[in-house]
Structures are given as structure tokens and as C-alpha cells.
PDB file of N, CA and C in Angstrom:
ATOM      1  N   MET A   1      17.208   6.339  -4.677  1.00  0.00           N
ATOM      2  CA  MET A   1      17.162   6.713  -6.075  1.00  0.00           C
ATOM      3  C   MET A   1      16.547   5.557  -6.869  1.00  0.00           C
ATOM      4  N   PRO A   2      15.564   5.864  -7.721  1.00  0.00           N
ATOM      5  CA  PRO A   2      14.946   4.801  -8.510  1.00  0.00           C
ATOM      6  C   PRO A   2      15.924   4.208  -9.523  1.00  0.00           C
ATOM      7  N   THR A   3      15.739   2.931  -9.786  1.00  0.00           N
ATOM      8  CA  THR A   3      16.594   2.256 -10.758  1.00  0.00           C
ATOM      9  C   THR A   3      16.204   2.678 -12.179  1.00  0.00           C
ATOM     10  N   PHE A   4      17.061   2.339 -13.122  1.00  0.00           N
ATOM     11  CA  PHE A   4      16.797   2.642 -14.532  1.00  0.00           C
ATOM     12  C   PHE A   4      15.458   2.060 -14.979  1.00  0.00           C
ATOM     13  N   HIS A   5      15.188   0.810 -14.600  1.00  0.00           N
ATOM     14  CA  HIS A   5      13.952   0.164 -15.049  1.00  0.00           C
ATOM     15  C   HIS A   5      12.719   0.763 -14.375  1.00  0.00           C
ATOM     16  N   GLU A   6      12.858   1.259 -13.150  1.00  0.00           N
ATOM     17  CA  GLU A   6      11.738   1.948 -12.507  1.00  0.00           C
ATOM     18  C   GLU A   6      11.440   3.256 -13.240  1.00  0.00           C
ATOM     19  N   GLN A   7      12.482   3.965 -13.644  1.00  0.00           N
ATOM     20  CA  GLN A   7      12.296   5.206 -14.409  1.00  0.00           C
ATOM     21  C   GLN A   7      11.672   4.909 -15.773  1.00  0.00           C
ATOM     22  N   ARG A   8      12.138   3.844 -16.396  1.00  0.00           N
ATOM     23  CA  ARG A   8      11.608   3.443 -17.708  1.00  0.00           C
ATOM     24  C   ARG A   8      10.135   3.045 -17.589  1.00  0.00           C
ATOM     25  N   SER A   9       9.784   2.354 -16.504  1.00  0.00           N
ATOM     26  CA  SER A   9       8.400   1.955 -16.274  1.00  0.00           C
ATOM     27  C   SER A   9       7.510   3.182 -16.080  1.00  0.00           C
ATOM     28  N   LEU A  10       7.976   4.142 -15.289  1.00  0.00           N
ATOM     29  CA  LEU A  10       7.212   5.372 -15.078  1.00  0.00           C
ATOM     30  C   LEU A  10       7.019   6.101 -16.405  1.00  0.00           C
ATOM     31  N   SER A  11       8.078   6.211 -17.178  1.00  0.00           N
ATOM     32  CA  SER A  11       7.989   6.873 -18.484  1.00  0.00           C
ATOM     33  C   SER A  11       6.973   6.173 -19.378  1.00  0.00           C
ATOM     34  N   GLU A  12       7.014   4.840 -19.389  1.00  0.00           N
ATOM     35  CA  GLU A  12       6.070   4.078 -20.210  1.00  0.00           C
ATOM     36  C   GLU A  12       4.645   4.382 -19.801  1.00  0.00           C
ATOM     37  N   ARG A  13       4.371   4.410 -18.503  1.00  0.00           N
ATOM     38  CA  ARG A  13       3.006   4.655 -18.032  1.00  0.00           C
ATOM     39  C   ARG A  13       2.542   6.073 -18.361  1.00  0.00           C
ATOM     40  N   LEU A  14       3.450   7.049 -18.271  1.00  0.00           N
ATOM     41  CA  LEU A  14       3.087   8.433 -18.591  1.00  0.00           C
ATOM     42  C   LEU A  14       2.814   8.605 -20.088  1.00  0.00           C
ATOM     43  N   TYR A  15       3.655   8.016 -20.924  1.00  0.00           N
ATOM     44  CA  TYR A  15       3.435   8.089 -22.371  1.00  0.00           C
ATOM     45  C   TYR A  15       2.170   7.338 -22.773  1.00  0.00           C
ATOM     46  N   GLU A  16       1.942   6.171 -22.173  1.00  0.00           N
ATOM     47  CA  GLU A  16       0.760   5.369 -22.489  1.00  0.00           C
ATOM     48  C   GLU A  16      -0.511   6.135 -22.145  1.00  0.00           C
ATOM     49  N   ALA A  17      -0.491   6.884 -21.050  1.00  0.00           N
ATOM     50  CA  ALA A  17      -1.650   7.680 -20.640  1.00  0.00           C
ATOM     51  C   ALA A  17      -1.958   8.787 -21.653  1.00  0.00           C
ATOM     52  N   GLN A  18      -0.956   9.166 -22.447  1.00  0.00           N
ATOM     53  CA  GLN A  18      -1.139  10.192 -23.478  1.00  0.00           C
ATOM     54  C   GLN A  18      -1.542   9.585 -24.822  1.00  0.00           C
ATOM     55  N   GLY A  19      -1.706   8.263 -24.847  1.00  0.00           N
ATOM     56  CA  GLY A  19      -2.137   7.591 -26.060  1.00  0.00           C
ATOM     57  C   GLY A  19      -1.013   7.238 -27.017  1.00  0.00           C
ATOM     58  N   ILE A  20       0.225   7.269 -26.547  1.00  0.00           N
ATOM     59  CA  ILE A  20       1.377   6.953 -27.387  1.00  0.00           C
ATOM     60  C   ILE A  20       1.605   5.447 -27.393  1.00  0.00           C
ATOM     61  N   ASN A  21       1.950   4.901 -28.556  1.00  0.00           N
ATOM     62  CA  ASN A  21       2.230   3.469 -28.701  1.00  0.00           C
ATOM     63  C   ASN A  21       3.550   3.168 -27.996  1.00  0.00           C
ATOM     64  N   THR A  22       3.471   2.705 -26.761  1.00  0.00           N
ATOM     65  CA  THR A  22       4.688   2.491 -25.975  1.00  0.00           C
ATOM     66  C   THR A  22       5.434   1.226 -26.367  1.00  0.00           C
ATOM     67  N   GLN A  23       4.751   0.272 -26.967  1.00  0.00           N
ATOM     68  CA  GLN A  23       5.460  -0.929 -27.430  1.00  0.00           C
ATOM     69  C   GLN A  23       6.488  -0.525 -28.483  1.00  0.00           C
ATOM     70  N   GLN A  24       6.075   0.311 -29.392  1.00  0.00           N
ATOM     71  CA  GLN A  24       6.986   0.785 -30.432  1.00  0.00           C
ATOM     72  C   GLN A  24       8.044   1.712 -29.833  1.00  0.00           C
ATOM     73  N   LEU A  25       7.633   2.588 -28.932  1.00  0.00           N
ATOM     74  CA  LEU A  25       8.557   3.533 -28.304  1.00  0.00           C
ATOM     75  C   LEU A  25       9.674   2.816 -27.550  1.00  0.00           C
ATOM     76  N   LEU A  26       9.308   1.752 -26.817  1.00  0.00           N
ATOM     77  CA  LEU A  26      10.298   1.017 -26.031  1.00  0.00           C
ATOM     78  C   LEU A  26      11.067  -0.010 -26.858  1.00  0.00           C
ATOM     79  N   GLY A  27      10.611  -0.256 -28.065  1.00  0.00           N
ATOM     80  CA  GLY A  27      11.305  -1.195 -28.941  1.00  0.00           C
ATOM     81  C   GLY A  27      11.064  -2.652 -28.602  1.00  0.00           C
ATOM     82  N   HIS A  28       9.889  -2.940 -28.011  1.00  0.00           N
ATOM     83  CA  HIS A  28       9.560  -4.319 -27.664  1.00  0.00           C
ATOM     84  C   HIS A  28       8.941  -5.030 -28.856  1.00  0.00           C
ATOM     85  N   SER A  29       9.310  -6.290 -29.036  1.00  0.00           N
ATOM     86  CA  SER A  29       8.739  -7.066 -30.139  1.00  0.00           C
ATOM     87  C   SER A  29       7.413  -7.713 -29.753  1.00  0.00           C
ATOM     88  N   SER A  30       7.098  -7.747 -28.450  1.00  0.00           N
ATOM     89  CA  SER A  30       5.835  -8.362 -28.022  1.00  0.00           C
ATOM     90  C   SER A  30       5.093  -7.457 -27.041  1.00  0.00           C
ATOM     91  N   GLU A  31       3.761  -7.541 -27.108  1.00  0.00           N
ATOM     92  CA  GLU A  31       2.910  -6.789 -26.183  1.00  0.00           C
ATOM     93  C   GLU A  31       3.091  -7.292 -24.752  1.00  0.00           C
ATOM     94  N   LYS A  32       3.414  -8.576 -24.607  1.00  0.00           N
ATOM     95  CA  LYS A  32       3.616  -9.168 -23.279  1.00  0.00           C
ATOM     96  C   LYS A  32       4.752  -8.459 -22.533  1.00  0.00           C
ATOM     97  N   MET A  33       5.822  -8.168 -23.227  1.00  0.00           N
ATOM     98  CA  MET A  33       6.951  -7.483 -22.600  1.00  0.00           C
ATOM     99  C   MET A  33       6.567  -6.056 -22.197  1.00  0.00           C
ATOM    100  N   THR A  34       5.855  -5.374 -23.074  1.00  0.00           N
ATOM    101  CA  THR A  34       5.420  -4.010 -22.769  1.00  0.00           C
ATOM    102  C   THR A  34       4.472  -4.006 -21.580  1.00  0.00           C
ATOM    103  N   ALA A  35       3.624  -5.027 -21.469  1.00  0.00           N
ATOM    104  CA  ALA A  35       2.663  -5.110 -20.369  1.00  0.00           C
ATOM    105  C   ALA A  35       3.362  -5.152 -19.013  1.00  0.00           C
ATOM    106  N   GLN A  36       4.570  -5.677 -18.965  1.00  0.00           N
ATOM    107  CA  GLN A  36       5.311  -5.712 -17.702  1.00  0.00           C
ATOM    108  C   GLN A  36       5.617  -4.303 -17.201  1.00  0.00           C
ATOM    109  N   TYR A  37       5.730  -3.358 -18.096  1.00  0.00           N
ATOM    110  CA  TYR A  37       6.027  -1.984 -17.716  1.00  0.00           C
ATOM    111  C   TYR A  37       4.806  -1.254 -17.175  1.00  0.00           C
ATOM    112  N   HIS A  38       3.605  -1.821 -17.345  1.00  0.00           N
ATOM    113  CA  HIS A  38       2.391  -1.219 -16.781  1.00  0.00           C
ATOM    114  C   HIS A  38       2.324  -1.420 -15.270  1.00  0.00           C
ATOM    115  N   ASN A  39       3.131  -2.325 -14.746  1.00  0.00           N
ATOM    116  CA  ASN A  39       3.153  -2.615 -13.314  1.00  0.00           C
ATOM    117  C   ASN A  39       3.675  -1.390 -12.571  1.00  0.00           C
ATOM    118  N   ASP A  40       2.864  -0.860 -11.645  1.00  0.00           N
ATOM    119  CA  ASP A  40       3.288   0.338 -10.906  1.00  0.00           C
ATOM    120  C   ASP A  40       4.244   0.021  -9.760  1.00  0.00           C
ATOM    121  N   ARG A  41       4.586  -1.245  -9.592  1.00  0.00           N
ATOM    122  CA  ARG A  41       5.566  -1.687  -8.606  1.00  0.00           C
ATOM    123  C   ARG A  41       5.250  -1.187  -7.194  1.00  0.00           C
ATOM    124  N   GLY A  42       3.983  -1.223  -6.850  1.00  0.00           N
ATOM    125  CA  GLY A  42       3.567  -0.891  -5.489  1.00  0.00           C
ATOM    126  C   GLY A  42       3.698   0.581  -5.169  1.00  0.00           C
ATOM    127  N   LEU A  43       2.783   1.380  -5.676  1.00  0.00           N
ATOM    128  CA  LEU A  43       2.832   2.813  -5.409  1.00  0.00           C
ATOM    129  C   LEU A  43       2.487   3.145  -3.961  1.00  0.00           C
ATOM    130  N   ASP A  44       1.926   2.183  -3.249  1.00  0.00           N
ATOM    131  CA  ASP A  44       1.581   2.422  -1.848  1.00  0.00           C
ATOM    132  C   ASP A  44       2.838   2.466  -0.990  1.00  0.00           C
ATOM    133  N   TRP A  45       2.784   3.289   0.033  1.00  0.00           N
ATOM    134  CA  TRP A  45       3.899   3.403   0.966  1.00  0.00           C
ATOM    135  C   TRP A  45       4.020   2.128   1.795  1.00  0.00           C
ATOM    136  N   VAL A  46       5.220   1.755   2.119  1.00  0.00           N
ATOM    137  CA  VAL A  46       5.476   0.623   3.003  1.00  0.00           C
ATOM    138  C   VAL A  46       6.004   1.199   4.307  1.00  0.00           C
ATOM    139  N   LYS A  47       5.280   0.941   5.399  1.00  0.00           N
ATOM    140  CA  LYS A  47       5.699   1.459   6.704  1.00  0.00           C
ATOM    141  C   LYS A  47       6.661   0.479   7.353  1.00  0.00           C
ATOM    142  N   VAL A  48       7.765   1.006   7.837  1.00  0.00           N
ATOM    143  CA  VAL A  48       8.803   0.189   8.458  1.00  0.00           C
ATOM    144  C   VAL A  48       9.051   0.719   9.862  1.00  0.00           C
ATOM    145  N   LYS A  49       9.025  -0.177  10.849  1.00  0.00           N
ATOM    146  CA  LYS A  49       9.334   0.242  12.216  1.00  0.00           C
ATOM    147  C   LYS A  49      10.841   0.351  12.371  1.00  0.00           C
ATOM    148  N   VAL A  50      11.260   1.437  12.974  1.00  0.00           N
ATOM    149  CA  VAL A  50      12.698   1.650  13.184  1.00  0.00           C
ATOM    150  C   VAL A  50      12.989   1.667  14.667  1.00  0.00           C
TER     151      VAL A  50
END
């Protein structure tokens, strides 16, 4: 199950793609903080040997 911050990051990226001001939406005082939410946190699959 994704963590709260992973869900928040996904939401930020989806809203940003629609042209919504996500800095204001997320309540961040700096663009630097909002930029951290643009990180897709490795959308590529990680293969693990079992």
C-alpha cells in the first residue's frame, strides 16, 4: 500500500499536468518544497530474485 506522501506526490503530479497551481493547492510556501513532489519515486519496476 502506498504511503500518504506517495499518494500526495501522485496527486500533485496529476493536478500539475492539468495546469493547476500545485504549490498553492498543497499549501507550500516555497517552490522548492513543491518541486520535491514532482519526483516520481522510481516508476520503473524493481526485479527481485526470490
